[in-house]
């Protein structure tokens, strides 16, 4: 998906996840995997596009970045998640630790 295409929002994710559950799909079904892949692609795009400028002065801190590129930086993952859920809404952001080598990433 490129920048001009529509990225799934937290609200759309919740609706689609609930529809799949209501239809009897299991969490390991192809339909759920596709949904998770859409979120992962969105989060990779957000992180790759907006996280680098945050590295300077915030190395090893935690960041949450909204679909629109707004960011929150905190010293701990629980704090950044709580603040991001309040400010951006559930599932409407990518988050992770700011580091030169990101390694295993957590996706919001």
PDB file of N, CA and C in Angstrom:
ATOM      1  N   UNK A   1       0.862  -1.172   0.000  1.00  0.00           N
ATOM      2  CA  UNK A   1       0.000   0.000   0.000  1.00  0.00           C
ATOM      3  C   UNK A   1       0.907   1.232   0.000  1.00  0.00           C
ATOM      4  N   UNK A   2       0.576   2.188  -0.804  1.00  0.00           N
ATOM      5  CA  UNK A   2       1.411   3.390  -0.817  1.00  0.00           C
ATOM      6  C   UNK A   2       0.742   4.502  -0.015  1.00  0.00           C
ATOM      7  N   UNK A   3       1.467   5.602   0.102  1.00  0.00           N
ATOM      8  CA  UNK A   3       1.049   6.706   0.967  1.00  0.00           C
ATOM      9  C   UNK A   3      -0.330   7.258   0.612  1.00  0.00           C
ATOM     10  N   UNK A   4      -0.701   7.223  -0.662  1.00  0.00           N
ATOM     11  CA  UNK A   4      -1.964   7.827  -1.067  1.00  0.00           C
ATOM     12  C   UNK A   4      -3.154   6.907  -0.811  1.00  0.00           C
ATOM     13  N   UNK A   5      -2.901   5.636  -0.488  1.00  0.00           N
ATOM     14  CA  UNK A   5      -3.990   4.714  -0.232  1.00  0.00           C
ATOM     15  C   UNK A   5      -4.467   4.838   1.212  1.00  0.00           C
ATOM     16  N   UNK A   6      -5.624   4.301   1.468  1.00  0.00           N
ATOM     17  CA  UNK A   6      -6.250   4.414   2.781  1.00  0.00           C
ATOM     18  C   UNK A   6      -5.640   3.407   3.759  1.00  0.00           C
ATOM     19  N   UNK A   7      -5.154   3.897   4.894  1.00  0.00           N
ATOM     20  CA  UNK A   7      -4.676   3.030   5.966  1.00  0.00           C
ATOM     21  C   UNK A   7      -5.829   2.735   6.902  1.00  0.00           C
ATOM     22  N   UNK A   8      -5.898   1.520   7.374  1.00  0.00           N
ATOM     23  CA  UNK A   8      -6.965   1.114   8.284  1.00  0.00           C
ATOM     24  C   UNK A   8      -6.851   1.886   9.603  1.00  0.00           C
ATOM     25  N   UNK A   9      -7.976   2.341  10.098  1.00  0.00           N
ATOM     26  CA  UNK A   9      -8.002   3.051  11.382  1.00  0.00           C
ATOM     27  C   UNK A   9      -8.340   2.068  12.496  1.00  0.00           C
ATOM     28  N   UNK A  10      -8.166   2.514  13.726  1.00  0.00           N
ATOM     29  CA  UNK A  10      -8.518   1.680  14.871  1.00  0.00           C
ATOM     30  C   UNK A  10      -9.996   1.325  14.884  1.00  0.00           C
ATOM     31  N   UNK A  11     -10.830   2.281  14.506  1.00  0.00           N
ATOM     32  CA  UNK A  11     -12.272   2.036  14.475  1.00  0.00           C
ATOM     33  C   UNK A  11     -12.624   0.989  13.413  1.00  0.00           C
ATOM     34  N   UNK A  12     -12.015   1.108  12.236  1.00  0.00           N
ATOM     35  CA  UNK A  12     -12.267   0.130  11.171  1.00  0.00           C
ATOM     36  C   UNK A  12     -11.752  -1.247  11.565  1.00  0.00           C
ATOM     37  N   UNK A  13     -10.611  -1.280  12.218  1.00  0.00           N
ATOM     38  CA  UNK A  13     -10.060  -2.550  12.682  1.00  0.00           C
ATOM     39  C   UNK A  13     -11.018  -3.224  13.656  1.00  0.00           C
ATOM     40  N   UNK A  14     -11.531  -2.460  14.611  1.00  0.00           N
ATOM     41  CA  UNK A  14     -12.470  -3.030  15.586  1.00  0.00           C
ATOM     42  C   UNK A  14     -13.729  -3.550  14.901  1.00  0.00           C
ATOM     43  N   UNK A  15     -14.261  -2.784  13.954  1.00  0.00           N
ATOM     44  CA  UNK A  15     -15.463  -3.214  13.235  1.00  0.00           C
ATOM     45  C   UNK A  15     -15.209  -4.496  12.443  1.00  0.00           C
ATOM     46  N   UNK A  16     -14.098  -4.534  11.726  1.00  0.00           N
ATOM     47  CA  UNK A  16     -13.790  -5.707  10.903  1.00  0.00           C
ATOM     48  C   UNK A  16     -13.478  -6.925  11.773  1.00  0.00           C
ATOM     49  N   UNK A  17     -12.768  -6.715  12.883  1.00  0.00           N
ATOM     50  CA  UNK A  17     -12.465  -7.812  13.804  1.00  0.00           C
ATOM     51  C   UNK A  17     -13.764  -8.368  14.391  1.00  0.00           C
ATOM     52  N   UNK A  18     -14.670  -7.483  14.815  1.00  0.00           N
ATOM     53  CA  UNK A  18     -15.949  -7.939  15.368  1.00  0.00           C
ATOM     54  C   UNK A  18     -16.787  -8.666  14.324  1.00  0.00           C
ATOM     55  N   UNK A  19     -16.781  -8.180  13.095  1.00  0.00           N
ATOM     56  CA  UNK A  19     -17.534  -8.847  12.021  1.00  0.00           C
ATOM     57  C   UNK A  19     -16.989 -10.253  11.777  1.00  0.00           C
ATOM     58  N   UNK A  20     -15.681 -10.394  11.797  1.00  0.00           N
ATOM     59  CA  UNK A  20     -15.083 -11.722  11.607  1.00  0.00           C
ATOM     60  C   UNK A  20     -15.445 -12.657  12.760  1.00  0.00           C
ATOM     61  N   UNK A  21     -15.380 -12.146  13.981  1.00  0.00           N
ATOM     62  CA  UNK A  21     -15.754 -12.966  15.136  1.00  0.00           C
ATOM     63  C   UNK A  21     -17.228 -13.360  15.069  1.00  0.00           C
ATOM     64  N   UNK A  22     -18.088 -12.401  14.720  1.00  0.00           N
ATOM     65  CA  UNK A  22     -19.527 -12.688  14.606  1.00  0.00           C
ATOM     66  C   UNK A  22     -19.809 -13.730  13.529  1.00  0.00           C
ATOM     67  N   UNK A  23     -18.983 -13.739  12.481  1.00  0.00           N
ATOM     68  CA  UNK A  23     -19.164 -14.697  11.387  1.00  0.00           C
ATOM     69  C   UNK A  23     -18.547 -16.053  11.712  1.00  0.00           C
ATOM     70  N   UNK A  24     -17.907 -16.167  12.879  1.00  0.00           N
ATOM     71  CA  UNK A  24     -17.373 -17.451  13.309  1.00  0.00           C
ATOM     72  C   UNK A  24     -15.932 -17.726  12.903  1.00  0.00           C
ATOM     73  N   UNK A  25     -15.220 -16.710  12.402  1.00  0.00           N
ATOM     74  CA  UNK A  25     -13.828 -16.928  12.015  1.00  0.00           C
ATOM     75  C   UNK A  25     -12.948 -17.034  13.254  1.00  0.00           C
ATOM     76  N   UNK A  26     -11.963 -17.914  13.175  1.00  0.00           N
ATOM     77  CA  UNK A  26     -10.996 -18.075  14.266  1.00  0.00           C
ATOM     78  C   UNK A  26      -9.892 -17.029  14.124  1.00  0.00           C
ATOM     79  N   UNK A  27      -9.194 -16.771  15.218  1.00  0.00           N
ATOM     80  CA  UNK A  27      -8.115 -15.782  15.213  1.00  0.00           C
ATOM     81  C   UNK A  27      -6.953 -16.176  14.301  1.00  0.00           C
ATOM     82  N   UNK A  28      -6.844 -17.466  13.979  1.00  0.00           N
ATOM     83  CA  UNK A  28      -5.766 -17.912  13.100  1.00  0.00           C
ATOM     84  C   UNK A  28      -6.242 -18.135  11.659  1.00  0.00           C
ATOM     85  N   UNK A  29      -7.444 -17.659  11.338  1.00  0.00           N
ATOM     86  CA  UNK A  29      -7.976 -17.814   9.980  1.00  0.00           C
ATOM     87  C   UNK A  29      -7.255 -16.882   9.014  1.00  0.00           C
ATOM     88  N   UNK A  30      -7.350 -17.190   7.737  1.00  0.00           N
ATOM     89  CA  UNK A  30      -6.732 -16.345   6.697  1.00  0.00           C
ATOM     90  C   UNK A  30      -7.289 -14.925   6.751  1.00  0.00           C
ATOM     91  N   UNK A  31      -8.563 -14.796   7.082  1.00  0.00           N
ATOM     92  CA  UNK A  31      -9.192 -13.475   7.159  1.00  0.00           C
ATOM     93  C   UNK A  31      -8.594 -12.635   8.278  1.00  0.00           C
ATOM     94  N   UNK A  32      -8.364 -13.250   9.437  1.00  0.00           N
ATOM     95  CA  UNK A  32      -7.730 -12.530  10.542  1.00  0.00           C
ATOM     96  C   UNK A  32      -6.277 -12.211  10.231  1.00  0.00           C
ATOM     97  N   UNK A  33      -5.578 -13.147   9.597  1.00  0.00           N
ATOM     98  CA  UNK A  33      -4.181 -12.902   9.238  1.00  0.00           C
ATOM     99  C   UNK A  33      -4.071 -11.734   8.264  1.00  0.00           C
ATOM    100  N   UNK A  34      -4.998 -11.659   7.315  1.00  0.00           N
ATOM    101  CA  UNK A  34      -5.011 -10.538   6.374  1.00  0.00           C
ATOM    102  C   UNK A  34      -5.226  -9.211   7.114  1.00  0.00           C
ATOM    103  N   UNK A  35      -6.141  -9.217   8.061  1.00  0.00           N
ATOM    104  CA  UNK A  35      -6.416  -8.010   8.836  1.00  0.00           C
ATOM    105  C   UNK A  35      -5.176  -7.593   9.636  1.00  0.00           C
ATOM    106  N   UNK A  36      -4.530  -8.553  10.279  1.00  0.00           N
ATOM    107  CA  UNK A  36      -3.306  -8.250  11.028  1.00  0.00           C
ATOM    108  C   UNK A  36      -2.191  -7.752  10.106  1.00  0.00           C
ATOM    109  N   UNK A  37      -2.112  -8.322   8.906  1.00  0.00           N
ATOM    110  CA  UNK A  37      -1.099  -7.875   7.940  1.00  0.00           C
ATOM    111  C   UNK A  37      -1.343  -6.426   7.518  1.00  0.00           C
ATOM    112  N   UNK A  38      -2.603  -6.034   7.355  1.00  0.00           N
ATOM    113  CA  UNK A  38      -2.921  -4.642   7.006  1.00  0.00           C
ATOM    114  C   UNK A  38      -2.457  -3.685   8.097  1.00  0.00           C
ATOM    115  N   UNK A  39      -2.687  -4.053   9.350  1.00  0.00           N
ATOM    116  CA  UNK A  39      -2.266  -3.215  10.471  1.00  0.00           C
ATOM    117  C   UNK A  39      -0.738  -3.166  10.540  1.00  0.00           C
ATOM    118  N   UNK A  40      -0.090  -4.303  10.351  1.00  0.00           N
ATOM    119  CA  UNK A  40       1.378  -4.343  10.398  1.00  0.00           C
ATOM    120  C   UNK A  40       1.988  -3.485   9.296  1.00  0.00           C
ATOM    121  N   UNK A  41       1.411  -3.532   8.094  1.00  0.00           N
ATOM    122  CA  UNK A  41       1.913  -2.702   6.986  1.00  0.00           C
ATOM    123  C   UNK A  41       1.733  -1.225   7.309  1.00  0.00           C
ATOM    124  N   UNK A  42       0.589  -0.883   7.853  1.00  0.00           N
ATOM    125  CA  UNK A  42       0.334   0.507   8.245  1.00  0.00           C
ATOM    126  C   UNK A  42       1.346   0.963   9.286  1.00  0.00           C
ATOM    127  N   UNK A  43       1.553   0.129  10.292  1.00  0.00           N
ATOM    128  CA  UNK A  43       2.461   0.499  11.370  1.00  0.00           C
ATOM    129  C   UNK A  43       3.906   0.601  10.885  1.00  0.00           C
ATOM    130  N   UNK A  44       4.326  -0.284   9.982  1.00  0.00           N
ATOM    131  CA  UNK A  44       5.676  -0.170   9.400  1.00  0.00           C
ATOM    132  C   UNK A  44       5.823   1.146   8.648  1.00  0.00           C
ATOM    133  N   UNK A  45       4.801   1.502   7.869  1.00  0.00           N
ATOM    134  CA  UNK A  45       4.841   2.760   7.128  1.00  0.00           C
ATOM    135  C   UNK A  45       4.956   3.944   8.092  1.00  0.00           C
ATOM    136  N   UNK A  46       4.113   3.966   9.116  1.00  0.00           N
ATOM    137  CA  UNK A  46       4.141   5.059  10.088  1.00  0.00           C
ATOM    138  C   UNK A  46       5.525   5.149  10.726  1.00  0.00           C
ATOM    139  N   UNK A  47       6.034   4.022  11.216  1.00  0.00           N
ATOM    140  CA  UNK A  47       7.306   4.031  11.925  1.00  0.00           C
ATOM    141  C   UNK A  47       8.447   4.452  11.000  1.00  0.00           C
ATOM    142  N   UNK A  48       8.491   3.857   9.801  1.00  0.00           N
ATOM    143  CA  UNK A  48       9.576   4.171   8.867  1.00  0.00           C
ATOM    144  C   UNK A  48       9.522   5.612   8.375  1.00  0.00           C
ATOM    145  N   UNK A  49       8.342   6.181   8.310  1.00  0.00           N
ATOM    146  CA  UNK A  49       8.174   7.540   7.815  1.00  0.00           C
ATOM    147  C   UNK A  49       8.451   8.595   8.883  1.00  0.00           C
ATOM    148  N   UNK A  50       8.023   8.349  10.114  1.00  0.00           N
ATOM    149  CA  UNK A  50       8.023   9.408  11.120  1.00  0.00           C
ATOM    150  C   UNK A  50       8.958   9.215  12.318  1.00  0.00           C
ATOM    151  N   UNK A  51       9.537   8.057  12.522  1.00  0.00           N
ATOM    152  CA  UNK A  51      10.295   7.845  13.758  1.00  0.00           C
ATOM    153  C   UNK A  51      11.714   8.405  13.736  1.00  0.00           C
ATOM    154  N   UNK A  52      12.352   8.445  12.582  1.00  0.00           N
ATOM    155  CA  UNK A  52      13.758   8.850  12.545  1.00  0.00           C
ATOM    156  C   UNK A  52      14.029  10.225  13.148  1.00  0.00           C
ATOM    157  N   UNK A  53      13.234  11.250  12.847  1.00  0.00           N
ATOM    158  CA  UNK A  53      13.506  12.559  13.474  1.00  0.00           C
ATOM    159  C   UNK A  53      13.402  12.540  15.001  1.00  0.00           C
ATOM    160  N   UNK A  54      12.687  11.570  15.553  1.00  0.00           N
ATOM    161  CA  UNK A  54      12.525  11.490  17.010  1.00  0.00           C
ATOM    162  C   UNK A  54      13.750  10.905  17.696  1.00  0.00           C
ATOM    163  N   UNK A  55      14.605  10.220  16.934  1.00  0.00           N
ATOM    164  CA  UNK A  55      15.779   9.584  17.531  1.00  0.00           C
ATOM    165  C   UNK A  55      16.699  10.585  18.222  1.00  0.00           C
ATOM    166  N   UNK A  56      16.925  11.706  17.573  1.00  0.00           N
ATOM    167  CA  UNK A  56      17.826  12.702  18.148  1.00  0.00           C
ATOM    168  C   UNK A  56      17.209  13.272  19.422  1.00  0.00           C
ATOM    169  N   UNK A  57      17.887  13.063  20.508  1.00  0.00           N
ATOM    170  CA  UNK A  57      17.424  13.582  21.784  1.00  0.00           C
ATOM    171  C   UNK A  57      16.463  12.679  22.527  1.00  0.00           C
ATOM    172  N   UNK A  58      16.020  11.592  21.896  1.00  0.00           N
ATOM    173  CA  UNK A  58      15.061  10.695  22.551  1.00  0.00           C
ATOM    174  C   UNK A  58      15.484   9.228  22.460  1.00  0.00           C
ATOM    175  N   UNK A  59      16.736   8.971  22.176  1.00  0.00           N
ATOM    176  CA  UNK A  59      17.191   7.596  22.021  1.00  0.00           C
ATOM    177  C   UNK A  59      16.846   6.764  23.247  1.00  0.00           C
ATOM    178  N   UNK A  60      16.357   5.551  22.996  1.00  0.00           N
ATOM    179  CA  UNK A  60      15.993   4.558  24.004  1.00  0.00           C
ATOM    180  C   UNK A  60      14.707   4.906  24.764  1.00  0.00           C
ATOM    181  N   UNK A  61      14.034   5.951  24.343  1.00  0.00           N
ATOM    182  CA  UNK A  61      12.727   6.255  24.930  1.00  0.00           C
ATOM    183  C   UNK A  61      11.663   5.560  24.070  1.00  0.00           C
ATOM    184  N   UNK A  62      10.440   5.606  24.503  1.00  0.00           N
ATOM    185  CA  UNK A  62       9.326   4.981  23.793  1.00  0.00           C
ATOM    186  C   UNK A  62       8.517   6.047  23.063  1.00  0.00           C
ATOM    187  N   UNK A  63       8.080   5.705  21.853  1.00  0.00           N
ATOM    188  CA  UNK A  63       7.292   6.644  21.056  1.00  0.00           C
ATOM    189  C   UNK A  63       6.031   5.976  20.534  1.00  0.00           C
ATOM    190  N   UNK A  64       4.989   6.767  20.426  1.00  0.00           N
ATOM    191  CA  UNK A  64       3.759   6.379  19.732  1.00  0.00           C
ATOM    192  C   UNK A  64       3.556   7.425  18.648  1.00  0.00           C
ATOM    193  N   UNK A  65       3.255   6.960  17.444  1.00  0.00           N
ATOM    194  CA  UNK A  65       3.100   7.865  16.308  1.00  0.00           C
ATOM    195  C   UNK A  65       1.759   7.576  15.644  1.00  0.00           C
ATOM    196  N   UNK A  66       0.956   8.626  15.482  1.00  0.00           N
ATOM    197  CA  UNK A  66      -0.377   8.470  14.896  1.00  0.00           C
ATOM    198  C   UNK A  66      -0.292   8.268  13.388  1.00  0.00           C
ATOM    199  N   UNK A  67      -1.403   7.915  12.804  1.00  0.00           N
ATOM    200  CA  UNK A  67      -1.498   7.743  11.356  1.00  0.00           C
ATOM    201  C   UNK A  67      -1.111   9.027  10.634  1.00  0.00           C
ATOM    202  N   UNK A  68      -1.372  10.182  11.263  1.00  0.00           N
ATOM    203  CA  UNK A  68      -1.056  11.486  10.674  1.00  0.00           C
ATOM    204  C   UNK A  68       0.348  11.974  11.001  1.00  0.00           C
ATOM    205  N   UNK A  69       1.116  11.196  11.768  1.00  0.00           N
ATOM    206  CA  UNK A  69       2.487  11.568  12.078  1.00  0.00           C
ATOM    207  C   UNK A  69       2.687  12.321  13.372  1.00  0.00           C
ATOM    208  N   UNK A  70       1.622  12.543  14.148  1.00  0.00           N
ATOM    209  CA  UNK A  70       1.782  13.158  15.470  1.00  0.00           C
ATOM    210  C   UNK A  70       2.475  12.154  16.380  1.00  0.00           C
ATOM    211  N   UNK A  71       3.273  12.644  17.313  1.00  0.00           N
ATOM    212  CA  UNK A  71       4.008  11.705  18.158  1.00  0.00           C
ATOM    213  C   UNK A  71       3.919  12.064  19.635  1.00  0.00           C
ATOM    214  N   UNK A  72       4.109  11.037  20.442  1.00  0.00           N
ATOM    215  CA  UNK A  72       4.219  11.145  21.889  1.00  0.00           C
ATOM    216  C   UNK A  72       5.475  10.367  22.256  1.00  0.00           C
ATOM    217  N   UNK A  73       6.318  10.955  23.096  1.00  0.00           N
ATOM    218  CA  UNK A  73       7.531  10.278  23.546  1.00  0.00           C
ATOM    219  C   UNK A  73       7.495  10.209  25.064  1.00  0.00           C
ATOM    220  N   UNK A  74       7.745   9.022  25.604  1.00  0.00           N
ATOM    221  CA  UNK A  74       7.724   8.789  27.052  1.00  0.00           C
ATOM    222  C   UNK A  74       8.898   7.897  27.443  1.00  0.00           C
ATOM    223  N   UNK A  75       9.132   7.788  28.729  1.00  0.00           N
ATOM    224  CA  UNK A  75      10.232   6.954  29.216  1.00  0.00           C
ATOM    225  C   UNK A  75       9.865   5.485  29.323  1.00  0.00           C
ATOM    226  N   UNK A  76       8.573   5.157  29.301  1.00  0.00           N
ATOM    227  CA  UNK A  76       8.170   3.754  29.434  1.00  0.00           C
ATOM    228  C   UNK A  76       7.069   3.399  28.439  1.00  0.00           C
ATOM    229  N   UNK A  77       7.030   2.112  28.082  1.00  0.00           N
ATOM    230  CA  UNK A  77       5.998   1.633  27.163  1.00  0.00           C
ATOM    231  C   UNK A  77       4.592   1.811  27.736  1.00  0.00           C
ATOM    232  N   UNK A  78       4.342   1.443  29.003  1.00  0.00           N
ATOM    233  CA  UNK A  78       2.983   1.632  29.529  1.00  0.00           C
ATOM    234  C   UNK A  78       2.516   3.087  29.470  1.00  0.00           C
ATOM    235  N   UNK A  79       3.416   4.019  29.753  1.00  0.00           N
ATOM    236  CA  UNK A  79       3.026   5.433  29.713  1.00  0.00           C
ATOM    237  C   UNK A  79       2.711   5.885  28.301  1.00  0.00           C
ATOM    238  N   UNK A  80       3.536   5.496  27.334  1.00  0.00           N
ATOM    239  CA  UNK A  80       3.293   5.935  25.962  1.00  0.00           C
ATOM    240  C   UNK A  80       2.013   5.297  25.422  1.00  0.00           C
ATOM    241  N   UNK A  81       1.751   4.047  25.782  1.00  0.00           N
ATOM    242  CA  UNK A  81       0.519   3.392  25.329  1.00  0.00           C
ATOM    243  C   UNK A  81      -0.718   4.058  25.925  1.00  0.00           C
ATOM    244  N   UNK A  82      -0.673   4.353  27.208  1.00  0.00           N
ATOM    245  CA  UNK A  82      -1.822   5.001  27.855  1.00  0.00           C
ATOM    246  C   UNK A  82      -2.080   6.370  27.237  1.00  0.00           C
ATOM    247  N   UNK A  83      -1.029   7.162  27.063  1.00  0.00           N
ATOM    248  CA  UNK A  83      -1.195   8.492  26.487  1.00  0.00           C
ATOM    249  C   UNK A  83      -1.664   8.435  25.034  1.00  0.00           C
ATOM    250  N   UNK A  84      -1.123   7.486  24.266  1.00  0.00           N
ATOM    251  CA  UNK A  84      -1.509   7.364  22.855  1.00  0.00           C
ATOM    252  C   UNK A  84      -2.963   6.917  22.708  1.00  0.00           C
ATOM    253  N   UNK A  85      -3.396   6.001  23.557  1.00  0.00           N
ATOM    254  CA  UNK A  85      -4.798   5.578  23.506  1.00  0.00           C
ATOM    255  C   UNK A  85      -5.730   6.742  23.783  1.00  0.00           C
ATOM    256  N   UNK A  86      -5.351   7.595  24.728  1.00  0.00           N
ATOM    257  CA  UNK A  86      -6.181   8.764  25.040  1.00  0.00           C
ATOM    258  C   UNK A  86      -6.152   9.800  23.924  1.00  0.00           C
ATOM    259  N   UNK A  87      -4.963  10.074  23.396  1.00  0.00           N
ATOM    260  CA  UNK A  87      -4.822  11.153  22.411  1.00  0.00           C
ATOM    261  C   UNK A  87      -5.247  10.732  20.996  1.00  0.00           C
ATOM    262  N   UNK A  88      -4.843   9.533  20.570  1.00  0.00           N
ATOM    263  CA  UNK A  88      -5.077   9.103  19.180  1.00  0.00           C
ATOM    264  C   UNK A  88      -6.245   8.128  19.047  1.00  0.00           C
ATOM    265  N   UNK A  89      -6.613   7.469  20.129  1.00  0.00           N
ATOM    266  CA  UNK A  89      -7.638   6.435  20.090  1.00  0.00           C
ATOM    267  C   UNK A  89      -7.002   5.062  19.962  1.00  0.00           C
ATOM    268  N   UNK A  90      -7.684   4.038  20.480  1.00  0.00           N
ATOM    269  CA  UNK A  90      -7.145   2.682  20.431  1.00  0.00           C
ATOM    270  C   UNK A  90      -6.823   2.240  19.000  1.00  0.00           C
ATOM    271  N   UNK A  91      -5.651   1.634  18.848  1.00  0.00           N
ATOM    272  CA  UNK A  91      -5.212   1.050  17.570  1.00  0.00           C
ATOM    273  C   UNK A  91      -4.982   2.078  16.463  1.00  0.00           C
ATOM    274  N   UNK A  92      -4.903   3.371  16.797  1.00  0.00           N
ATOM    275  CA  UNK A  92      -4.690   4.415  15.789  1.00  0.00           C
ATOM    276  C   UNK A  92      -3.256   4.929  15.782  1.00  0.00           C
ATOM    277  N   UNK A  93      -2.307   4.068  16.118  1.00  0.00           N
ATOM    278  CA  UNK A  93      -0.913   4.499  16.190  1.00  0.00           C
ATOM    279  C   UNK A  93       0.006   3.284  16.124  1.00  0.00           C
ATOM    280  N   UNK A  94       1.251   3.573  15.788  1.00  0.00           N
ATOM    281  CA  UNK A  94       2.326   2.587  15.898  1.00  0.00           C
ATOM    282  C   UNK A  94       3.172   3.002  17.092  1.00  0.00           C
ATOM    283  N   UNK A  95       3.789   2.034  17.752  1.00  0.00           N
ATOM    284  CA  UNK A  95       4.640   2.396  18.878  1.00  0.00           C
ATOM    285  C   UNK A  95       5.850   1.476  18.940  1.00  0.00           C
ATOM    286  N   UNK A  96       6.868   1.973  19.588  1.00  0.00           N
ATOM    287  CA  UNK A  96       8.066   1.183  19.756  1.00  0.00           C
ATOM    288  C   UNK A  96       9.125   1.983  20.482  1.00  0.00           C
ATOM    289  N   UNK A  97      10.262   1.351  20.669  1.00  0.00           N
ATOM    290  CA  UNK A  97      11.384   2.005  21.338  1.00  0.00           C
ATOM    291  C   UNK A  97      12.248   2.688  20.296  1.00  0.00           C
ATOM    292  N   UNK A  98      12.626   3.908  20.569  1.00  0.00           N
ATOM    293  CA  UNK A  98      13.468   4.674  19.657  1.00  0.00           C
ATOM    294  C   UNK A  98      14.912   4.226  19.828  1.00  0.00           C
ATOM    295  N   UNK A  99      15.471   3.644  18.780  1.00  0.00           N
ATOM    296  CA  UNK A  99      16.848   3.154  18.817  1.00  0.00           C
ATOM    297  C   UNK A  99      17.382   3.098  17.398  1.00  0.00           C
ATOM    298  N   UNK A 100      18.712   3.216  17.259  1.00  0.00           N
ATOM    299  CA  UNK A 100      19.334   3.114  15.938  1.00  0.00           C
ATOM    300  C   UNK A 100      18.997   1.774  15.304  1.00  0.00           C
ATOM    301  N   UNK A 101      19.100   0.707  16.077  1.00  0.00           N
ATOM    302  CA  UNK A 101      18.681  -0.619  15.618  1.00  0.00           C
ATOM    303  C   UNK A 101      17.412  -0.957  16.352  1.00  0.00           C
ATOM    304  N   UNK A 102      16.358  -1.034  15.607  1.00  0.00           N
ATOM    305  CA  UNK A 102      15.062  -1.214  16.244  1.00  0.00           C
ATOM    306  C   UNK A 102      14.815  -2.664  16.659  1.00  0.00           C
ATOM    307  N   UNK A 103      15.404  -3.611  15.960  1.00  0.00           N
ATOM    308  CA  UNK A 103      15.230  -5.010  16.316  1.00  0.00           C
ATOM    309  C   UNK A 103      13.775  -5.434  16.257  1.00  0.00           C
ATOM    310  N   UNK A 104      13.362  -6.257  17.182  1.00  0.00           N
ATOM    311  CA  UNK A 104      11.980  -6.716  17.238  1.00  0.00           C
ATOM    312  C   UNK A 104      11.083  -5.563  17.639  1.00  0.00           C
ATOM    313  N   UNK A 105      10.100  -5.263  16.796  1.00  0.00           N
ATOM    314  CA  UNK A 105       9.223  -4.111  17.051  1.00  0.00           C
ATOM    315  C   UNK A 105       7.889  -4.546  17.600  1.00  0.00           C
ATOM    316  N   UNK A 106       7.349  -3.695  18.396  1.00  0.00           N
ATOM    317  CA  UNK A 106       5.977  -3.857  18.852  1.00  0.00           C
ATOM    318  C   UNK A 106       5.093  -3.003  17.983  1.00  0.00           C
ATOM    319  N   UNK A 107       3.965  -3.520  17.569  1.00  0.00           N
ATOM    320  CA  UNK A 107       3.029  -2.752  16.744  1.00  0.00           C
ATOM    321  C   UNK A 107       1.792  -2.441  17.557  1.00  0.00           C
ATOM    322  N   UNK A 108       1.267  -1.168  17.396  1.00  0.00           N
ATOM    323  CA  UNK A 108       0.051  -0.750  18.059  1.00  0.00           C
ATOM    324  C   UNK A 108      -1.149  -1.018  17.264  1.00  0.00           C
TER     325      UNK A 108
END
